[in-house]
Protein backbone atom coordinates (compact mmCIF):
# COMPACT_ATOMS: atom_id res chain seq x y z
CA UNK A 1 190.08 176.56 308.81
CA UNK A 2 191.46 178.64 305.95
CA UNK A 3 194.71 179.23 307.87
CA UNK A 4 195.05 175.49 308.59
CA UNK A 5 194.59 174.61 304.90
CA UNK A 6 197.09 177.31 303.95
CA UNK A 7 199.59 175.98 306.47
CA UNK A 8 199.23 172.46 305.00
CA UNK A 9 199.75 173.74 301.44
CA UNK A 10 202.83 175.73 302.50
CA UNK A 11 204.15 172.58 304.14
CA UNK A 12 203.69 170.74 300.86
CA UNK A 13 205.58 173.43 298.95
CA UNK A 14 208.47 173.25 301.42
CA UNK A 15 208.48 169.46 301.15
CA UNK A 16 208.55 169.69 297.33
CA UNK A 17 211.59 171.97 297.44
CA UNK A 18 213.39 169.70 299.90
CA UNK A 19 212.69 166.55 297.86
CA UNK A 20 213.55 167.78 294.34
CA UNK A 21 216.95 166.06 294.37
CA UNK A 22 215.65 162.75 295.72
CA UNK A 23 216.38 159.70 293.57
CA UNK A 24 213.60 157.18 293.18
CA UNK A 25 214.18 153.41 293.10
CA UNK A 26 213.72 151.78 289.71
CA UNK A 27 210.41 150.17 290.66
CA UNK A 28 208.64 153.45 291.50
CA UNK A 29 209.95 155.81 288.84
CA UNK A 30 207.08 158.10 287.89
CA UNK A 31 206.63 160.95 285.42
CA UNK A 32 204.84 164.27 285.64
CA UNK A 33 203.09 165.43 288.79
CA UNK A 34 203.14 161.92 290.27
CA UNK A 35 206.93 162.05 290.41
CA UNK A 36 206.75 164.99 292.85
CA UNK A 37 204.64 163.00 295.30
CA UNK A 38 206.93 159.97 295.03
CA UNK A 39 209.96 162.17 295.60
CA UNK A 40 208.26 163.59 298.70
CA UNK A 41 207.55 160.03 299.81
CA UNK A 42 211.20 159.12 299.24
CA UNK A 43 212.33 162.14 301.27
CA UNK A 44 210.04 161.24 304.17
CA UNK A 45 211.16 157.60 304.00
CA UNK A 46 214.83 158.58 304.08
CA UNK A 47 214.40 160.99 307.00
CA UNK A 48 212.17 158.73 309.09
CA UNK A 49 214.19 155.58 308.63
CA UNK A 50 217.51 157.37 309.02
CA UNK A 51 216.30 158.58 312.40
CA UNK A 52 215.12 155.07 313.28
CA UNK A 53 218.54 153.66 312.43
CA UNK A 54 220.13 156.11 314.87
CA UNK A 55 217.72 155.28 317.67
CA UNK A 56 217.51 151.50 317.09
CA UNK A 57 221.03 150.36 316.42
CA UNK A 58 220.27 147.02 318.10
CA UNK A 59 217.92 146.17 315.21
CA UNK A 60 220.64 146.92 312.63
CA UNK A 61 218.69 149.53 310.68
CA UNK A 62 215.25 147.86 310.60
CA UNK A 63 212.63 147.22 313.21
CA UNK A 64 210.76 143.94 313.55
CA UNK A 65 207.83 145.05 311.41
CA UNK A 66 210.11 146.05 308.55
CA UNK A 67 211.86 142.71 308.71
CA UNK A 68 208.56 140.84 308.53
CA UNK A 69 207.42 143.05 305.65
CA UNK A 70 210.71 142.48 303.83
CA UNK A 71 210.29 138.72 304.06
CA UNK A 72 206.75 138.94 302.69
CA UNK A 73 207.83 141.17 299.82
CA UNK A 74 210.69 138.81 299.02
CA UNK A 75 208.23 135.94 298.75
CA UNK A 76 206.16 137.91 296.25
CA UNK A 77 209.13 139.01 294.15
CA UNK A 78 212.24 136.93 294.85
CA UNK A 79 214.19 138.48 291.95
CA UNK A 80 214.36 141.93 293.59
CA UNK A 81 216.39 142.89 296.64
CA UNK A 82 214.53 142.89 299.94
CA UNK A 83 215.63 146.39 301.01
CA UNK A 84 214.68 147.85 297.64
CA UNK A 85 211.20 146.30 297.79
CA UNK A 86 210.64 147.61 301.32
CA UNK A 87 211.71 151.12 300.31
CA UNK A 88 209.41 151.04 297.25
CA UNK A 89 206.51 149.89 299.44
CA UNK A 90 206.94 152.71 301.96
CA UNK A 91 207.56 155.36 299.28
CA UNK A 92 204.35 154.31 297.49
CA UNK A 93 202.50 154.32 300.80
CA UNK A 94 203.67 157.82 301.74
CA UNK A 95 203.03 159.15 298.21
CA UNK A 96 199.46 157.84 298.17
CA UNK A 97 198.69 159.42 301.55
CA UNK A 98 200.24 162.72 300.42
CA UNK A 99 198.06 162.75 297.30
CA UNK A 100 194.89 162.15 299.31
CA UNK A 101 195.70 164.78 301.93
CA UNK A 102 196.64 167.43 299.35
CA UNK A 103 193.53 166.79 297.25
CA UNK A 104 191.31 166.90 300.33
CA UNK A 105 193.01 170.05 301.59
CA UNK A 106 192.45 171.86 298.28
CA UNK A 107 188.80 170.77 298.34
CA UNK A 108 188.45 171.98 301.96
CA UNK A 109 190.01 175.31 300.99
CA UNK A 110 187.56 175.68 298.11
CA UNK A 111 184.61 174.95 300.43
CA UNK A 112 185.92 177.44 302.98
CA UNK A 113 186.48 180.20 300.40
CA UNK A 114 183.02 179.61 298.91
CA UNK A 115 181.48 179.82 302.38
CA UNK A 116 183.29 183.08 303.13
CA UNK A 117 182.22 184.69 299.87
CA UNK A 118 178.59 183.59 300.24
CA UNK A 119 177.89 186.01 303.10
CA UNK A 120 174.68 188.05 303.03
CA UNK A 121 175.47 190.54 305.82
CA UNK A 122 176.60 193.89 304.39
CA UNK A 123 178.42 196.61 306.38
CA UNK A 124 177.84 194.68 309.60
CA UNK A 125 174.15 195.64 309.82
CA UNK A 126 172.48 195.24 306.41
CA UNK A 127 170.91 192.06 304.99
CA UNK A 128 170.04 191.77 301.29
CA UNK A 129 166.69 190.38 300.22
CA UNK A 130 166.02 188.21 297.18
CA UNK A 131 163.67 189.42 294.49
CA UNK A 132 160.21 187.87 294.46
CA UNK A 133 160.31 184.27 293.28
CA UNK A 134 163.99 183.77 294.18
CA UNK A 135 163.04 182.38 297.59
CA UNK A 136 163.73 183.31 301.20
CA UNK A 137 167.27 183.31 302.56
CA UNK A 138 167.92 181.27 305.74
CA UNK A 139 170.75 182.85 307.68
CA UNK A 140 172.46 182.32 311.03
CA UNK A 141 173.59 185.44 312.89
CA UNK A 142 175.66 186.02 316.01
CA UNK A 143 174.68 189.06 318.10
CA UNK A 144 177.16 190.55 320.57
CA UNK A 145 175.27 192.96 322.84
CA UNK A 146 177.22 195.63 324.72
CA UNK A 147 177.50 194.72 328.39
CA UNK A 148 176.54 191.09 327.73
CA UNK A 149 179.22 188.40 327.94
CA UNK A 150 177.33 185.72 326.01
CA UNK A 151 176.97 185.81 322.23
CA UNK A 152 173.44 185.17 320.99
CA UNK A 153 173.10 182.92 317.93
CA UNK A 154 169.92 183.58 315.97
CA UNK A 155 168.63 181.61 313.02
CA UNK A 156 166.56 183.89 310.85
CA UNK A 157 164.86 183.74 307.46
CA UNK A 158 165.19 186.87 305.29
CA UNK A 159 161.95 186.93 303.37
CA UNK A 160 161.99 187.74 299.68
CA UNK A 161 160.98 191.20 298.55
CA UNK A 162 157.27 191.98 298.21
CA UNK A 163 155.90 194.07 295.33
CA UNK A 164 154.03 197.31 295.95
CA UNK A 165 150.40 197.84 294.93
CA UNK A 166 151.42 199.63 291.73
CA UNK A 167 153.91 196.89 290.76
CA UNK A 168 151.36 194.14 291.44
CA UNK A 169 148.77 195.93 289.26
CA UNK A 170 151.26 196.18 286.41
CA UNK A 171 151.95 192.45 286.66
CA UNK A 172 148.22 191.74 286.61
CA UNK A 173 147.65 193.81 283.46
CA UNK A 174 150.60 192.10 281.80
CA UNK A 175 149.18 188.68 282.74
CA UNK A 176 145.72 189.26 281.23
CA UNK A 177 147.36 190.34 277.97
CA UNK A 178 149.69 187.33 277.80
CA UNK A 179 147.20 184.66 278.88
CA UNK A 180 145.26 184.30 275.56
CA UNK A 181 148.42 183.25 273.72
CA UNK A 182 149.55 180.87 276.48
CA UNK A 183 146.11 179.26 276.69
CA UNK A 184 145.91 178.31 273.01
CA UNK A 185 147.90 175.09 272.94
CA UNK A 186 147.39 173.60 269.45
CA UNK A 187 144.43 175.84 268.68
CA UNK A 188 144.65 178.76 266.24
CA UNK A 189 142.57 181.12 268.35
CA UNK A 190 140.19 181.18 271.29
CA UNK A 191 137.33 181.57 268.82
CA UNK A 192 138.15 178.17 267.26
CA UNK A 193 138.98 175.75 270.07
CA UNK A 194 139.14 172.12 269.04
CA UNK A 195 142.04 170.77 271.08
CA UNK A 196 142.99 170.85 274.72
CA UNK A 197 143.84 174.22 276.21
CA UNK A 198 146.80 175.07 278.42
CA UNK A 199 145.56 176.77 281.57
CA UNK A 200 148.69 177.80 283.52
CA UNK A 201 148.62 178.23 287.28
CA UNK A 202 151.78 180.37 287.17
CA UNK A 203 153.42 182.50 284.50
CA UNK A 204 157.13 182.97 284.14
CA UNK A 205 158.28 186.27 285.63
CA UNK A 206 154.87 186.95 287.15
CA UNK A 207 154.15 186.71 290.92
CA UNK A 208 150.46 185.83 290.60
CA UNK A 209 149.02 182.38 291.26
CA UNK A 210 146.14 181.55 288.94
CA UNK A 211 143.13 179.35 289.75
CA UNK A 212 140.57 178.48 287.08
CA UNK A 213 136.78 178.11 287.02
CA UNK A 214 134.71 176.92 284.07
CA UNK A 215 131.05 177.58 283.27
CA UNK A 216 130.79 174.18 281.57
CA UNK A 217 133.02 171.55 283.16
CA UNK A 218 131.68 168.85 280.84
CA UNK A 219 133.20 170.76 277.92
CA UNK A 220 136.34 172.41 279.34
CA UNK A 221 137.80 171.23 282.63
CA UNK A 222 139.97 173.33 284.94
CA UNK A 223 143.09 171.52 283.70
CA UNK A 224 142.34 172.66 280.13
CA UNK A 225 140.94 169.31 278.90
CA UNK A 226 138.43 169.86 276.08
CA UNK A 227 135.67 167.22 275.76
CA UNK A 228 133.94 168.06 272.50
CA UNK A 229 133.32 164.59 271.09
CA UNK A 230 129.51 164.75 271.60
CA UNK A 231 129.13 168.47 270.91
CA UNK A 232 126.51 169.16 268.23
CA UNK A 233 126.95 172.93 267.70
CA UNK A 234 129.34 175.66 268.93
CA UNK A 235 128.91 176.59 272.59
CA UNK A 236 130.40 179.46 274.56
CA UNK A 237 132.31 178.46 277.73
CA UNK A 238 133.36 181.04 280.28
CA UNK A 239 136.80 180.39 281.82
CA UNK A 240 137.47 182.48 284.90
CA UNK A 241 141.05 183.04 286.09
CA UNK A 242 141.50 183.93 289.75
CA UNK A 243 144.76 185.83 290.33
CA UNK A 244 146.21 185.63 293.82
CA UNK A 245 149.24 187.43 295.16
CA UNK A 246 149.70 187.93 298.92
CA UNK A 247 146.95 190.23 300.19
CA UNK A 248 145.48 190.88 296.74
CA UNK A 249 143.10 187.98 297.39
CA UNK A 250 142.22 186.93 300.92
CA UNK A 251 141.00 183.59 302.24
CA UNK A 252 142.99 183.25 305.40
CA UNK A 253 141.87 182.58 309.04
CA UNK A 254 143.84 181.14 312.02
CA UNK A 255 142.55 180.81 315.58
CA UNK A 256 145.48 180.10 317.88
CA UNK A 257 145.72 180.77 321.61
CA UNK A 258 149.33 181.25 322.81
CA UNK A 259 150.20 181.87 326.48
CA UNK A 260 153.36 183.85 327.08
CA UNK A 261 156.21 181.86 328.72
CA UNK A 262 158.38 183.01 331.60
CA UNK A 263 161.65 184.04 329.99
CA UNK A 264 165.12 184.04 331.51
CA UNK A 265 167.29 187.08 330.96
CA UNK A 266 168.97 185.47 327.95
CA UNK A 267 165.68 184.22 326.49
CA UNK A 268 164.10 187.64 326.95
CA UNK A 269 167.03 189.26 325.18
CA UNK A 270 166.73 186.78 322.31
CA UNK A 271 162.97 187.43 322.08
CA UNK A 272 163.52 191.20 322.02
CA UNK A 273 166.07 190.80 319.25
CA UNK A 274 163.73 188.67 317.16
CA UNK A 275 160.80 191.04 317.71
CA UNK A 276 162.93 194.02 316.77
CA UNK A 277 164.11 192.21 313.64
CA UNK A 278 160.54 191.34 312.72
CA UNK A 279 159.47 194.96 313.23
CA UNK A 280 162.23 196.33 311.02
CA UNK A 281 161.46 193.62 308.45
CA UNK A 282 157.81 194.74 308.27
CA UNK A 283 158.88 198.34 307.88
CA UNK A 284 161.25 197.60 305.00
CA UNK A 285 159.52 194.72 303.19
CA UNK A 286 159.10 196.80 300.02
CA UNK A 287 162.74 197.76 299.98
CA UNK A 288 165.75 195.96 298.58
CA UNK A 289 167.56 195.91 301.93
CA UNK A 290 166.69 194.88 305.48
CA UNK A 291 168.15 197.05 308.24
CA UNK A 292 169.01 195.12 311.39
CA UNK A 293 168.31 196.81 314.74
CA UNK A 294 171.31 198.75 316.02
CA UNK A 295 170.32 198.55 319.68
CA UNK A 296 167.96 196.71 322.01
CA UNK A 297 166.91 197.89 325.46
CA UNK A 298 169.13 200.94 324.94
CA UNK A 299 172.18 198.72 324.44
CA UNK A 300 174.13 198.61 321.19
CA UNK A 301 174.11 195.45 319.12
CA UNK A 302 176.94 194.38 316.81
CA UNK A 303 175.91 191.85 314.16
CA UNK A 304 178.10 189.17 312.60
CA UNK A 305 176.95 186.53 310.14
CA UNK A 306 177.61 182.93 311.10
CA UNK A 307 178.68 181.42 307.78
CA UNK A 308 178.10 177.81 306.86
CA UNK A 309 181.51 176.17 306.70
CA UNK A 310 181.69 172.43 306.12
CA UNK A 311 185.39 172.37 305.34
CA UNK A 312 186.34 171.17 308.85
CA UNK A 313 184.20 168.02 308.58
CA UNK A 314 185.51 167.44 305.08
CA UNK A 315 189.11 167.71 306.30
CA UNK A 316 188.37 165.13 309.02
CA UNK A 317 187.01 162.76 306.38
CA UNK A 318 190.08 163.33 304.21
CA UNK A 319 192.46 162.61 307.10
CA UNK A 320 190.42 159.52 308.00
CA UNK A 321 190.58 158.31 304.40
CA UNK A 322 194.34 158.87 304.35
CA UNK A 323 194.76 156.85 307.57
CA UNK A 324 192.63 154.02 306.19
CA UNK A 325 194.64 153.93 302.96
CA UNK A 326 197.88 153.96 304.96
CA UNK A 327 196.76 150.95 307.00
CA UNK A 328 195.31 149.06 304.04
CA UNK A 329 198.56 149.35 302.10
CA UNK A 330 200.21 146.86 304.47
CA UNK A 331 197.15 144.64 304.45
CA UNK A 332 197.49 144.34 300.69
CA UNK A 333 200.82 142.58 301.22
CA UNK A 334 199.16 139.96 303.48
CA UNK A 335 196.43 139.45 300.88
CA UNK A 336 199.05 138.89 298.19
CA UNK A 337 200.82 136.37 300.45
CA UNK A 338 197.55 134.42 300.84
CA UNK A 339 197.01 134.62 297.09
CA UNK A 340 200.56 133.29 296.57
CA UNK A 341 199.89 130.33 298.87
CA UNK A 342 196.69 129.48 296.99
CA UNK A 343 198.45 129.62 293.61
CA UNK A 344 201.31 127.49 294.92
CA UNK A 345 198.83 124.86 296.07
CA UNK A 346 197.01 124.88 292.74
CA UNK A 347 200.30 124.58 290.80
CA UNK A 348 201.72 121.77 292.95
CA UNK A 349 200.06 118.85 291.06
CA UNK A 350 201.38 120.23 287.78
CA UNK A 351 204.95 120.51 289.12
CA UNK A 352 204.97 116.98 290.57
CA UNK A 353 203.41 115.55 287.43
CA UNK A 354 206.01 117.21 285.18
CA UNK A 355 208.88 116.05 287.41
CA UNK A 356 207.51 112.50 287.25
CA UNK A 357 207.19 112.64 283.46
CA UNK A 358 210.68 114.07 282.95
CA UNK A 359 212.28 111.58 285.33
CA UNK A 360 210.34 108.73 283.72
CA UNK A 361 211.79 109.86 280.38
CA UNK A 362 215.30 109.39 281.81
CA UNK A 363 216.14 112.89 283.11
CA UNK A 364 217.86 113.46 286.43
CA UNK A 365 216.20 115.62 289.11
CA UNK A 366 218.63 118.44 288.31
CA UNK A 367 217.89 118.36 284.59
CA UNK A 368 214.14 118.15 285.29
CA UNK A 369 214.36 121.35 287.38
CA UNK A 370 216.40 123.07 284.67
CA UNK A 371 213.81 122.00 282.06
CA UNK A 372 210.93 123.43 284.14
CA UNK A 373 212.77 126.73 284.54
CA UNK A 374 213.72 126.92 280.85
CA UNK A 375 210.11 126.26 279.70
CA UNK A 376 208.80 129.01 282.02
CA UNK A 377 211.47 131.48 280.87
CA UNK A 378 210.37 131.04 277.26
CA UNK A 379 206.81 132.18 278.10
CA UNK A 380 207.47 135.93 277.76
CA UNK A 381 204.59 138.16 278.80
CA UNK A 382 202.66 135.33 280.43
CA UNK A 383 201.04 135.27 283.85
CA UNK A 384 203.42 135.41 286.79
CA UNK A 385 203.49 132.02 288.57
CA UNK A 386 205.18 131.99 291.93
CA UNK A 387 206.29 128.35 291.92
CA UNK A 388 208.11 128.79 288.63
CA UNK A 389 209.76 131.97 289.93
CA UNK A 390 211.11 129.89 292.81
CA UNK A 391 212.20 127.19 290.35
CA UNK A 392 214.14 129.84 288.37
CA UNK A 393 215.93 130.84 291.57
CA UNK A 394 216.72 127.17 292.21
CA UNK A 395 218.12 126.89 288.67
CA UNK A 396 220.36 129.91 289.24
CA UNK A 397 221.63 128.35 292.48
CA UNK A 398 222.35 125.07 290.69
CA UNK A 399 224.17 126.93 287.92
CA UNK A 400 226.24 128.84 290.51
CA UNK A 401 227.62 125.58 291.93
CA UNK A 402 225.53 124.94 295.03
CA UNK A 403 224.78 121.35 295.94
CA UNK A 404 221.46 119.89 294.86
CA UNK A 405 220.52 118.98 298.43
CA UNK A 406 221.00 122.55 299.60
CA UNK A 407 219.12 123.97 296.61
CA UNK A 408 216.10 121.70 297.15
CA UNK A 409 216.03 122.56 300.87
CA UNK A 410 216.07 126.27 300.03
CA UNK A 411 213.31 125.73 297.45
CA UNK A 412 211.04 124.05 300.03
CA UNK A 413 211.68 126.77 302.64
CA UNK A 414 210.92 129.58 300.20
CA UNK A 415 207.63 127.99 299.16
CA UNK A 416 206.62 127.76 302.86
CA UNK A 417 204.05 125.01 302.23
CA UNK A 418 204.09 121.50 303.68
CA UNK A 419 203.57 119.77 300.33
CA UNK A 420 206.63 121.42 298.80
CA UNK A 421 208.73 120.64 301.88
CA UNK A 422 207.63 116.99 301.56
CA UNK A 423 208.61 116.92 297.87
CA UNK A 424 212.00 118.48 298.57
CA UNK A 425 212.58 115.99 301.40
CA UNK A 426 211.96 113.10 298.98
CA UNK A 427 214.40 114.58 296.46
CA UNK A 428 217.06 115.30 299.11
CA UNK A 429 216.79 111.82 300.65
CA UNK A 430 217.12 110.28 297.21
CA UNK A 431 220.35 112.21 296.69
CA UNK A 432 221.79 111.36 300.13
CA UNK A 433 220.82 107.68 300.43
CA UNK A 434 219.79 106.67 296.96
CA UNK A 435 216.48 104.94 296.33
CA UNK A 436 214.95 102.94 293.53
CA UNK A 437 211.45 103.77 294.77
CA UNK A 438 211.61 107.53 294.00
CA UNK A 439 209.62 107.21 290.78
CA UNK A 440 206.88 105.18 292.52
CA UNK A 441 206.74 107.67 295.39
CA UNK A 442 206.42 110.55 292.94
CA UNK A 443 203.55 108.77 291.17
CA UNK A 444 201.78 108.35 294.50
CA UNK A 445 202.47 112.00 295.28
CA UNK A 446 200.89 112.99 291.94
CA UNK A 447 197.69 111.13 292.81
CA UNK A 448 197.60 112.69 296.27
CA UNK A 449 198.33 116.15 294.84
CA UNK A 450 195.43 116.00 292.40
CA UNK A 451 193.08 114.92 295.21
CA UNK A 452 194.25 117.87 297.31
CA UNK A 453 193.78 120.17 294.35
CA UNK A 454 190.19 119.03 294.02
CA UNK A 455 189.63 119.81 297.69
CA UNK A 456 191.22 123.24 297.27
CA UNK A 457 189.09 123.98 294.19
CA UNK A 458 185.97 122.88 296.06
CA UNK A 459 186.88 125.15 298.98
CA UNK A 460 187.44 128.12 296.66
CA UNK A 461 184.09 127.46 295.02
CA UNK A 462 182.36 127.47 298.41
CA UNK A 463 184.07 130.75 299.31
CA UNK A 464 182.98 132.27 295.99
CA UNK A 465 179.41 131.13 296.68
CA UNK A 466 179.52 132.80 300.10
CA UNK A 467 180.75 136.06 298.55
CA UNK A 468 177.88 135.95 296.05
CA UNK A 469 175.30 135.54 298.82
CA UNK A 470 174.92 139.29 299.48
CA UNK A 471 174.48 140.25 295.78
CA UNK A 472 171.95 137.43 295.39
CA UNK A 473 170.00 138.71 298.41
CA UNK A 474 170.00 142.21 296.92
CA UNK A 475 168.73 140.84 293.61
CA UNK A 476 166.02 138.93 295.47
CA UNK A 477 164.92 142.17 297.17
CA UNK A 478 164.79 143.94 293.79
CA UNK A 479 162.67 141.13 292.33
CA UNK A 480 160.33 141.25 295.35
CA UNK A 481 159.89 145.01 294.87
CA UNK A 482 159.24 144.59 291.14
CA UNK A 483 156.53 141.99 291.88
CA UNK A 484 154.92 143.57 294.97
CA UNK A 485 154.74 147.24 293.96
CA UNK A 486 152.44 146.71 290.91
CA UNK A 487 150.35 144.28 292.98
CA UNK A 488 150.02 146.88 295.75
CA UNK A 489 148.90 149.60 293.36
CA UNK A 490 146.45 147.25 291.65
CA UNK A 491 144.83 146.51 295.05
CA UNK A 492 144.68 150.23 295.71
CA UNK A 493 142.77 150.76 292.45
């Protein structure tokens, strides 16, 4: 796994060197480290699509998917060239995936290095024990026995070091000297106890477990609680501390009958290995090191620690996340297209109403369009509204000398909604044939547009209510838990 991560990082370095001279489009100019990833994305885009242009000359440099994407991007931002928007989309897509993969690779490499350095097997045959209190060490070993083709995998627990009799006695003497101070609590001395005592069951740095007995439980309990409210005169209470450490205090009996199984050759070998390890562990339990058996059944054993390495699974997750992000990038465009359609529908009544007002005030259709575009242009820094962006394009076409009929037809096609096509048809027919009923038809269209807007708003409200259903159910579950848990415990009492 370490070599794979290294290979990926080297590939990134090579890609950085190859992409240093890449020029980024204006819309994706980045600074700092982000610029490197966008330059790599630009390099990949140029190489991939240059190859596609060579292989797919019949499509004139773009495949069907790119053409569809270009049309969608042009709807979202008509003021920018289609090819430039497509290139920015793919460069951003490639750069995002590159960031995810590099970050995940570095994380995988860190996990792998940590796993390699965390080994406990020393010199191929020596396991290190923890000091007492540091806990046992679970370890997975692979045993390759001479003359045996299969490799035995053994999960073993290296027990923590046990103290000798002399060391345990020293800890006990230390404990009985330290206990009076630790027992005091808020009291000044053990000869003047008025408040609760602290009776520890363990002491820091000491292996003994302590159990307490009291000669007068109604005065001093085993948890150190002092009940002296009804005490008339001083009374002596004997507190007995029972120190327990391994075999220094015995209360242990098991009666288990175990019948030996019939072992296969491999199972017998595994059993012999475990028994030999247990024997050597018993022999060296007072030592700092555990010597693994060098041979079993007169055959040499070579030990190798099987390290825990989760970097492979992590790398799979990273690659999966990169693939998901890559696919979702294109889905974002479709979501923006749907959002554009919704905003166009919501803005339609306003557009028709303004056209009706301007034309009722004596303006021509052309001047009304120019007025709408001019008012929107003055709103610097405001929210982007797609219908007004299309109106600005229509104004530019009118200013460039195109006929009004052609401009209105283009406007309806770019909006891609039936209501706008209907409006543009009314305007075009008025220009071609002339009609005195245009103002009345626009008034009727305003009324119809506001009714449709109410339906659209109602539909959006229903969709919002549906989206809130899951959070409301979760809140209901939380409220049920808050009500039922106290009730349950009160019944238990």
